[in-house]
Amino acid sequence: VSTERRELVVRWISTVGNYDYIFDWVFHDNGTIGIDAGATGIEAVKGVLAKTMHDPSAKEDTRYGTLIDHNIVGTTHQHIYN
């Protein structure tokens, strides 16, 4: 046996720099409230010398990120919500 459930989602989106931060408040029909948060947008990248991970500069170039294409590193970073 299943029962129909409903929820109301109130969404707030804020653009800061190159990211869109999404906050959802989810009101469930049983009285509970859930909160979801996420980020989307343009990846923070930097140019590097390495074209592949076999290049001599690759180890240093990828110290703070991941080589995502020739000469482009996606930088390691965090999104912290308070």
PDB file of N, CA and C in Angstrom:
ATOM      1  N   VAL A   1       0.849  -1.175   0.000  1.00  0.00           N
ATOM      2  CA  VAL A   1       0.000   0.000   0.000  1.00  0.00           C
ATOM      3  C   VAL A   1       0.894   1.237   0.000  1.00  0.00           C
ATOM      4  N   SER A   2       0.604   2.145  -0.863  1.00  0.00           N
ATOM      5  CA  SER A   2       1.358   3.400  -0.890  1.00  0.00           C
ATOM      6  C   SER A   2       0.406   4.566  -0.668  1.00  0.00           C
ATOM      7  N   THR A   3       0.960   5.628  -0.155  1.00  0.00           N
ATOM      8  CA  THR A   3       0.161   6.836   0.058  1.00  0.00           C
ATOM      9  C   THR A   3       0.793   7.980  -0.718  1.00  0.00           C
ATOM     10  N   GLU A   4      -0.044   8.869  -1.170  1.00  0.00           N
ATOM     11  CA  GLU A   4       0.439  10.027  -1.911  1.00  0.00           C
ATOM     12  C   GLU A   4       1.120  11.003  -0.963  1.00  0.00           C
ATOM     13  N   ARG A   5       2.294  11.468  -1.348  1.00  0.00           N
ATOM     14  CA  ARG A   5       3.016  12.459  -0.547  1.00  0.00           C
ATOM     15  C   ARG A   5       3.170  13.722  -1.369  1.00  0.00           C
ATOM     16  N   ARG A   6       3.124  14.828  -0.676  1.00  0.00           N
ATOM     17  CA  ARG A   6       3.325  16.109  -1.339  1.00  0.00           C
ATOM     18  C   ARG A   6       4.370  16.892  -0.575  1.00  0.00           C
ATOM     19  N   GLU A   7       5.040  17.771  -1.287  1.00  0.00           N
ATOM     20  CA  GLU A   7       5.991  18.655  -0.640  1.00  0.00           C
ATOM     21  C   GLU A   7       5.997  19.992  -1.378  1.00  0.00           C
ATOM     22  N   LEU A   8       6.289  21.025  -0.622  1.00  0.00           N
ATOM     23  CA  LEU A   8       6.417  22.366  -1.181  1.00  0.00           C
ATOM     24  C   LEU A   8       7.897  22.725  -1.144  1.00  0.00           C
ATOM     25  N   VAL A   9       8.440  23.110  -2.290  1.00  0.00           N
ATOM     26  CA  VAL A   9       9.849  23.490  -2.361  1.00  0.00           C
ATOM     27  C   VAL A   9       9.938  24.990  -2.609  1.00  0.00           C
ATOM     28  N   VAL A  10      10.620  25.683  -1.695  1.00  0.00           N
ATOM     29  CA  VAL A  10      10.893  27.109  -1.859  1.00  0.00           C
ATOM     30  C   VAL A  10      12.366  27.218  -2.228  1.00  0.00           C
ATOM     31  N   ARG A  11      12.640  27.772  -3.403  1.00  0.00           N
ATOM     32  CA  ARG A  11      14.012  27.822  -3.921  1.00  0.00           C
ATOM     33  C   ARG A  11      14.510  29.257  -3.976  1.00  0.00           C
ATOM     34  N   TRP A  12      15.768  29.422  -3.577  1.00  0.00           N
ATOM     35  CA  TRP A  12      16.435  30.718  -3.658  1.00  0.00           C
ATOM     36  C   TRP A  12      17.745  30.502  -4.385  1.00  0.00           C
ATOM     37  N   ILE A  13      18.005  31.307  -5.407  1.00  0.00           N
ATOM     38  CA  ILE A  13      19.238  31.202  -6.181  1.00  0.00           C
ATOM     39  C   ILE A  13      19.971  32.533  -6.103  1.00  0.00           C
ATOM     40  N   SER A  14      21.246  32.468  -5.771  1.00  0.00           N
ATOM     41  CA  SER A  14      22.070  33.663  -5.663  1.00  0.00           C
ATOM     42  C   SER A  14      23.295  33.500  -6.553  1.00  0.00           C
ATOM     43  N   THR A  15      23.569  34.500  -7.375  1.00  0.00           N
ATOM     44  CA  THR A  15      24.751  34.471  -8.227  1.00  0.00           C
ATOM     45  C   THR A  15      25.857  35.279  -7.569  1.00  0.00           C
ATOM     46  N   VAL A  16      26.975  34.615  -7.324  1.00  0.00           N
ATOM     47  CA  VAL A  16      28.144  35.258  -6.731  1.00  0.00           C
ATOM     48  C   VAL A  16      29.342  34.895  -7.600  1.00  0.00           C
ATOM     49  N   GLY A  17      29.925  35.883  -8.243  1.00  0.00           N
ATOM     50  CA  GLY A  17      31.050  35.609  -9.133  1.00  0.00           C
ATOM     51  C   GLY A  17      30.621  34.720 -10.282  1.00  0.00           C
ATOM     52  N   ASN A  18      31.323  33.622 -10.473  1.00  0.00           N
ATOM     53  CA  ASN A  18      31.017  32.713 -11.579  1.00  0.00           C
ATOM     54  C   ASN A  18      30.159  31.523 -11.150  1.00  0.00           C
ATOM     55  N   TYR A  19      29.562  31.596  -9.961  1.00  0.00           N
ATOM     56  CA  TYR A  19      28.742  30.486  -9.472  1.00  0.00           C
ATOM     57  C   TYR A  19      27.319  30.921  -9.177  1.00  0.00           C
ATOM     58  N   ASP A  20      26.403  29.995  -9.355  1.00  0.00           N
ATOM     59  CA  ASP A  20      25.026  30.152  -8.899  1.00  0.00           C
ATOM     60  C   ASP A  20      24.848  29.213  -7.718  1.00  0.00           C
ATOM     61  N   TYR A  21      24.517  29.770  -6.567  1.00  0.00           N
ATOM     62  CA  TYR A  21      24.279  28.972  -5.365  1.00  0.00           C
ATOM     63  C   TYR A  21      22.782  28.750  -5.242  1.00  0.00           C
ATOM     64  N   ILE A  22      22.390  27.493  -5.046  1.00  0.00           N
ATOM     65  CA  ILE A  22      20.976  27.117  -5.006  1.00  0.00           C
ATOM     66  C   ILE A  22      20.649  26.585  -3.622  1.00  0.00           C
ATOM     67  N   PHE A  23      19.625  27.163  -3.011  1.00  0.00           N
ATOM     68  CA  PHE A  23      19.165  26.728  -1.695  1.00  0.00           C
ATOM     69  C   PHE A  23      17.692  26.352  -1.806  1.00  0.00           C
ATOM     70  N   ASP A  24      17.356  25.139  -1.392  1.00  0.00           N
ATOM     71  CA  ASP A  24      15.972  24.658  -1.395  1.00  0.00           C
ATOM     72  C   ASP A  24      15.524  24.374   0.029  1.00  0.00           C
ATOM     73  N   TRP A  25      14.388  24.924   0.404  1.00  0.00           N
ATOM     74  CA  TRP A  25      13.725  24.560   1.654  1.00  0.00           C
ATOM     75  C   TRP A  25      12.559  23.675   1.242  1.00  0.00           C
ATOM     76  N   VAL A  26      12.553  22.439   1.741  1.00  0.00           N
ATOM     77  CA  VAL A  26      11.545  21.453   1.346  1.00  0.00           C
ATOM     78  C   VAL A  26      10.615  21.212   2.531  1.00  0.00           C
ATOM     79  N   PHE A  27       9.355  21.611   2.380  1.00  0.00           N
ATOM     80  CA  PHE A  27       8.344  21.447   3.421  1.00  0.00           C
ATOM     81  C   PHE A  27       7.524  20.204   3.093  1.00  0.00           C
ATOM     82  N   HIS A  28       7.645  19.175   3.934  1.00  0.00           N
ATOM     83  CA  HIS A  28       6.955  17.908   3.716  1.00  0.00           C
ATOM     84  C   HIS A  28       5.586  17.927   4.388  1.00  0.00           C
ATOM     85  N   ASP A  29       4.679  17.104   3.875  1.00  0.00           N
ATOM     86  CA  ASP A  29       3.323  17.089   4.431  1.00  0.00           C
ATOM     87  C   ASP A  29       3.244  16.467   5.824  1.00  0.00           C
ATOM     88  N   ASN A  30       4.334  15.852   6.297  1.00  0.00           N
ATOM     89  CA  ASN A  30       4.335  15.305   7.658  1.00  0.00           C
ATOM     90  C   ASN A  30       4.882  16.310   8.678  1.00  0.00           C
ATOM     91  N   GLY A  31       5.170  17.545   8.220  1.00  0.00           N
ATOM     92  CA  GLY A  31       5.624  18.590   9.129  1.00  0.00           C
ATOM     93  C   GLY A  31       7.126  18.787   9.182  1.00  0.00           C
ATOM     94  N   THR A  32       7.879  17.921   8.536  1.00  0.00           N
ATOM     95  CA  THR A  32       9.335  18.085   8.567  1.00  0.00           C
ATOM     96  C   THR A  32       9.781  19.065   7.483  1.00  0.00           C
ATOM     97  N   ILE A  33      10.944  19.655   7.712  1.00  0.00           N
ATOM     98  CA  ILE A  33      11.520  20.599   6.758  1.00  0.00           C
ATOM     99  C   ILE A  33      12.922  20.122   6.406  1.00  0.00           C
ATOM    100  N   GLY A  34      13.189  20.018   5.130  1.00  0.00           N
ATOM    101  CA  GLY A  34      14.522  19.652   4.661  1.00  0.00           C
ATOM    102  C   GLY A  34      15.176  20.834   3.971  1.00  0.00           C
ATOM    103  N   ILE A  35      16.485  20.863   3.985  1.00  0.00           N
ATOM    104  CA  ILE A  35      17.229  21.922   3.318  1.00  0.00           C
ATOM    105  C   ILE A  35      18.270  21.280   2.410  1.00  0.00           C
ATOM    106  N   ASP A  36      18.291  21.707   1.156  1.00  0.00           N
ATOM    107  CA  ASP A  36      19.283  21.250   0.188  1.00  0.00           C
ATOM    108  C   ASP A  36      20.045  22.464  -0.322  1.00  0.00           C
ATOM    109  N   ALA A  37      21.344  22.311  -0.527  1.00  0.00           N
ATOM    110  CA  ALA A  37      22.164  23.397  -1.051  1.00  0.00           C
ATOM    111  C   ALA A  37      23.106  22.847  -2.107  1.00  0.00           C
ATOM    112  N   GLY A  38      23.396  23.667  -3.096  1.00  0.00           N
ATOM    113  CA  GLY A  38      24.316  23.246  -4.133  1.00  0.00           C
ATOM    114  C   GLY A  38      24.873  24.435  -4.886  1.00  0.00           C
ATOM    115  N   ALA A  39      25.863  24.174  -5.715  1.00  0.00           N
ATOM    116  CA  ALA A  39      26.486  25.219  -6.519  1.00  0.00           C
ATOM    117  C   ALA A  39      26.601  24.744  -7.957  1.00  0.00           C
ATOM    118  N   THR A  40      26.412  25.656  -8.865  1.00  0.00           N
ATOM    119  CA  THR A  40      26.571  25.374 -10.280  1.00  0.00           C
ATOM    120  C   THR A  40      27.160  26.614 -10.931  1.00  0.00           C
ATOM    121  N   GLY A  41      27.688  26.474 -12.096  1.00  0.00           N
ATOM    122  CA  GLY A  41      28.254  27.633 -12.775  1.00  0.00           C
ATOM    123  C   GLY A  41      29.474  27.257 -13.574  1.00  0.00           C
ATOM    124  N   ILE A  42      30.294  28.248 -13.839  1.00  0.00           N
ATOM    125  CA  ILE A  42      31.487  28.063 -14.655  1.00  0.00           C
ATOM    126  C   ILE A  42      32.639  27.601 -13.769  1.00  0.00           C
ATOM    127  N   GLU A  43      33.294  26.537 -14.171  1.00  0.00           N
ATOM    128  CA  GLU A  43      34.421  25.982 -13.410  1.00  0.00           C
ATOM    129  C   GLU A  43      35.527  27.018 -13.252  1.00  0.00           C
ATOM    130  N   ALA A  44      36.111  27.068 -12.066  1.00  0.00           N
ATOM    131  CA  ALA A  44      37.272  27.929 -11.831  1.00  0.00           C
ATOM    132  C   ALA A  44      38.499  27.226 -12.404  1.00  0.00           C
ATOM    133  N   VAL A  45      39.150  27.838 -13.389  1.00  0.00           N
ATOM    134  CA  VAL A  45      40.285  27.208 -14.070  1.00  0.00           C
ATOM    135  C   VAL A  45      41.488  28.144 -14.097  1.00  0.00           C
ATOM    136  N   LYS A  46      42.630  27.562 -14.412  1.00  0.00           N
ATOM    137  CA  LYS A  46      43.835  28.365 -14.638  1.00  0.00           C
ATOM    138  C   LYS A  46      44.651  27.724 -15.751  1.00  0.00           C
ATOM    139  N   GLY A  47      45.404  28.539 -16.469  1.00  0.00           N
ATOM    140  CA  GLY A  47      46.263  28.049 -17.533  1.00  0.00           C
ATOM    141  C   GLY A  47      47.575  27.518 -16.972  1.00  0.00           C
ATOM    142  N   VAL A  48      48.068  26.435 -17.558  1.00  0.00           N
ATOM    143  CA  VAL A  48      49.329  25.817 -17.125  1.00  0.00           C
ATOM    144  C   VAL A  48      50.155  25.431 -18.355  1.00  0.00           C
ATOM    145  N   LEU A  49      51.402  25.056 -18.128  1.00  0.00           N
ATOM    146  CA  LEU A  49      52.278  24.637 -19.225  1.00  0.00           C
ATOM    147  C   LEU A  49      51.970  23.225 -19.722  1.00  0.00           C
ATOM    148  N   ALA A  50      51.569  22.331 -18.821  1.00  0.00           N
ATOM    149  CA  ALA A  50      51.381  20.914 -19.164  1.00  0.00           C
ATOM    150  C   ALA A  50      50.202  20.707 -20.111  1.00  0.00           C
ATOM    151  N   LYS A  51      50.449  19.903 -21.151  1.00  0.00           N
ATOM    152  CA  LYS A  51      49.365  19.485 -22.041  1.00  0.00           C
ATOM    153  C   LYS A  51      48.811  18.131 -21.609  1.00  0.00           C
ATOM    154  N   THR A  52      49.694  17.283 -21.069  1.00  0.00           N
ATOM    155  CA  THR A  52      49.293  15.966 -20.572  1.00  0.00           C
ATOM    156  C   THR A  52      49.987  15.728 -19.239  1.00  0.00           C
ATOM    157  N   MET A  53      49.592  14.671 -18.558  1.00  0.00           N
ATOM    158  CA  MET A  53      50.214  14.327 -17.275  1.00  0.00           C
ATOM    159  C   MET A  53      51.621  13.752 -17.462  1.00  0.00           C
ATOM    160  N   HIS A  54      52.033  13.525 -18.709  1.00  0.00           N
ATOM    161  CA  HIS A  54      53.385  13.034 -18.985  1.00  0.00           C
ATOM    162  C   HIS A  54      54.385  14.178 -19.156  1.00  0.00           C
ATOM    163  N   ASP A  55      53.914  15.410 -19.229  1.00  0.00           N
ATOM    164  CA  ASP A  55      54.798  16.567 -19.387  1.00  0.00           C
ATOM    165  C   ASP A  55      55.591  16.810 -18.105  1.00  0.00           C
ATOM    166  N   PRO A  56      56.823  17.324 -18.228  1.00  0.00           N
ATOM    167  CA  PRO A  56      57.670  17.549 -17.051  1.00  0.00           C
ATOM    168  C   PRO A  56      57.047  18.470 -15.997  1.00  0.00           C
ATOM    169  N   SER A  57      56.248  19.434 -16.418  1.00  0.00           N
ATOM    170  CA  SER A  57      55.661  20.389 -15.466  1.00  0.00           C
ATOM    171  C   SER A  57      54.343  19.903 -14.866  1.00  0.00           C
ATOM    172  N   ALA A  58      53.847  18.745 -15.289  1.00  0.00           N
ATOM    173  CA  ALA A  58      52.513  18.283 -14.890  1.00  0.00           C
ATOM    174  C   ALA A  58      52.354  18.134 -13.379  1.00  0.00           C
ATOM    175  N   LYS A  59      53.360  17.590 -12.713  1.00  0.00           N
ATOM    176  CA  LYS A  59      53.238  17.371 -11.264  1.00  0.00           C
ATOM    177  C   LYS A  59      53.036  18.693 -10.527  1.00  0.00           C
ATOM    178  N   GLU A  60      53.831  19.683 -10.857  1.00  0.00           N
ATOM    179  CA  GLU A  60      53.698  20.989 -10.206  1.00  0.00           C
ATOM    180  C   GLU A  60      52.433  21.711 -10.672  1.00  0.00           C
ATOM    181  N   ASP A  61      52.107  21.598 -11.960  1.00  0.00           N
ATOM    182  CA  ASP A  61      50.923  22.273 -12.501  1.00  0.00           C
ATOM    183  C   ASP A  61      49.628  21.769 -11.880  1.00  0.00           C
ATOM    184  N   THR A  62      49.609  20.503 -11.465  1.00  0.00           N
ATOM    185  CA  THR A  62      48.382  19.922 -10.905  1.00  0.00           C
ATOM    186  C   THR A  62      48.441  19.808  -9.381  1.00  0.00           C
ATOM    187  N   ARG A  63      49.310  20.577  -8.775  1.00  0.00           N
ATOM    188  CA  ARG A  63      49.429  20.540  -7.309  1.00  0.00           C
ATOM    189  C   ARG A  63      48.134  20.974  -6.626  1.00  0.00           C
ATOM    190  N   TYR A  64      47.424  21.933  -7.203  1.00  0.00           N
ATOM    191  CA  TYR A  64      46.200  22.457  -6.594  1.00  0.00           C
ATOM    192  C   TYR A  64      44.994  22.305  -7.513  1.00  0.00           C
ATOM    193  N   GLY A  65      44.991  21.255  -8.323  1.00  0.00           N
ATOM    194  CA  GLY A  65      43.866  21.041  -9.215  1.00  0.00           C
ATOM    195  C   GLY A  65      44.074  19.824 -10.093  1.00  0.00           C
ATOM    196  N   THR A  66      43.179  19.666 -11.062  1.00  0.00           N
ATOM    197  CA  THR A  66      43.179  18.520 -11.966  1.00  0.00           C
ATOM    198  C   THR A  66      43.288  19.014 -13.402  1.00  0.00           C
ATOM    199  N   LEU A  67      44.174  18.388 -14.175  1.00  0.00           N
ATOM    200  CA  LEU A  67      44.304  18.723 -15.590  1.00  0.00           C
ATOM    201  C   LEU A  67      43.030  18.270 -16.299  1.00  0.00           C
ATOM    202  N   ILE A  68      42.251  19.230 -16.804  1.00  0.00           N
ATOM    203  CA  ILE A  68      40.976  18.874 -17.427  1.00  0.00           C
ATOM    204  C   ILE A  68      41.018  18.977 -18.950  1.00  0.00           C
ATOM    205  N   ASP A  69      42.067  19.609 -19.474  1.00  0.00           N
ATOM    206  CA  ASP A  69      42.288  19.684 -20.916  1.00  0.00           C
ATOM    207  C   ASP A  69      43.730  20.135 -21.125  1.00  0.00           C
ATOM    208  N   HIS A  70      44.166  20.188 -22.348  1.00  0.00           N
ATOM    209  CA  HIS A  70      45.523  20.659 -22.628  1.00  0.00           C
ATOM    210  C   HIS A  70      45.699  22.061 -22.061  1.00  0.00           C
ATOM    211  N   ASN A  71      46.678  22.225 -21.195  1.00  0.00           N
ATOM    212  CA  ASN A  71      47.051  23.521 -20.624  1.00  0.00           C
ATOM    213  C   ASN A  71      45.982  24.146 -19.724  1.00  0.00           C
ATOM    214  N   ILE A  72      45.027  23.368 -19.234  1.00  0.00           N
ATOM    215  CA  ILE A  72      43.961  23.900 -18.369  1.00  0.00           C
ATOM    216  C   ILE A  72      43.794  23.016 -17.138  1.00  0.00           C
ATOM    217  N   VAL A  73      43.871  23.639 -15.966  1.00  0.00           N
ATOM    218  CA  VAL A  73      43.658  22.940 -14.695  1.00  0.00           C
ATOM    219  C   VAL A  73      42.389  23.482 -14.043  1.00  0.00           C
ATOM    220  N   GLY A  74      41.514  22.564 -13.621  1.00  0.00           N
ATOM    221  CA  GLY A  74      40.372  22.932 -12.789  1.00  0.00           C
ATOM    222  C   GLY A  74      40.862  23.008 -11.353  1.00  0.00           C
ATOM    223  N   THR A  75      40.802  24.184 -10.766  1.00  0.00           N
ATOM    224  CA  THR A  75      41.403  24.378  -9.444  1.00  0.00           C
ATOM    225  C   THR A  75      40.581  23.727  -8.340  1.00  0.00           C
ATOM    226  N   THR A  76      41.287  23.188  -7.358  1.00  0.00           N
ATOM    227  CA  THR A  76      40.650  22.601  -6.189  1.00  0.00           C
ATOM    228  C   THR A  76      40.158  23.729  -5.299  1.00  0.00           C
ATOM    229  N   HIS A  77      38.895  23.671  -4.910  1.00  0.00           N
ATOM    230  CA  HIS A  77      38.325  24.707  -4.055  1.00  0.00           C
ATOM    231  C   HIS A  77      37.106  24.153  -3.336  1.00  0.00           C
ATOM    232  N   GLN A  78      36.609  24.906  -2.374  1.00  0.00           N
ATOM    233  CA  GLN A  78      35.458  24.467  -1.581  1.00  0.00           C
ATOM    234  C   GLN A  78      34.340  25.498  -1.637  1.00  0.00           C
ATOM    235  N   HIS A  79      33.139  25.009  -1.422  1.00  0.00           N
ATOM    236  CA  HIS A  79      31.974  25.872  -1.239  1.00  0.00           C
ATOM    237  C   HIS A  79      31.490  25.605   0.179  1.00  0.00           C
ATOM    238  N   ILE A  80      31.563  26.608   1.030  1.00  0.00           N
ATOM    239  CA  ILE A  80      31.201  26.442   2.437  1.00  0.00           C
ATOM    240  C   ILE A  80      29.936  27.237   2.716  1.00  0.00           C
ATOM    241  N   TYR A  81      28.956  26.572   3.298  1.00  0.00           N
ATOM    242  CA  TYR A  81      27.670  27.205   3.610  1.00  0.00           C
ATOM    243  C   TYR A  81      27.542  27.353   5.113  1.00  0.00           C
ATOM    244  N   ASN A  82      27.101  28.499   5.553  1.00  0.00           N
ATOM    245  CA  ASN A  82      26.850  28.748   6.977  1.00  0.00           C
ATOM    246  C   ASN A  82      25.379  28.944   7.212  1.00  0.00           C
TER     247      ASN A  82
END
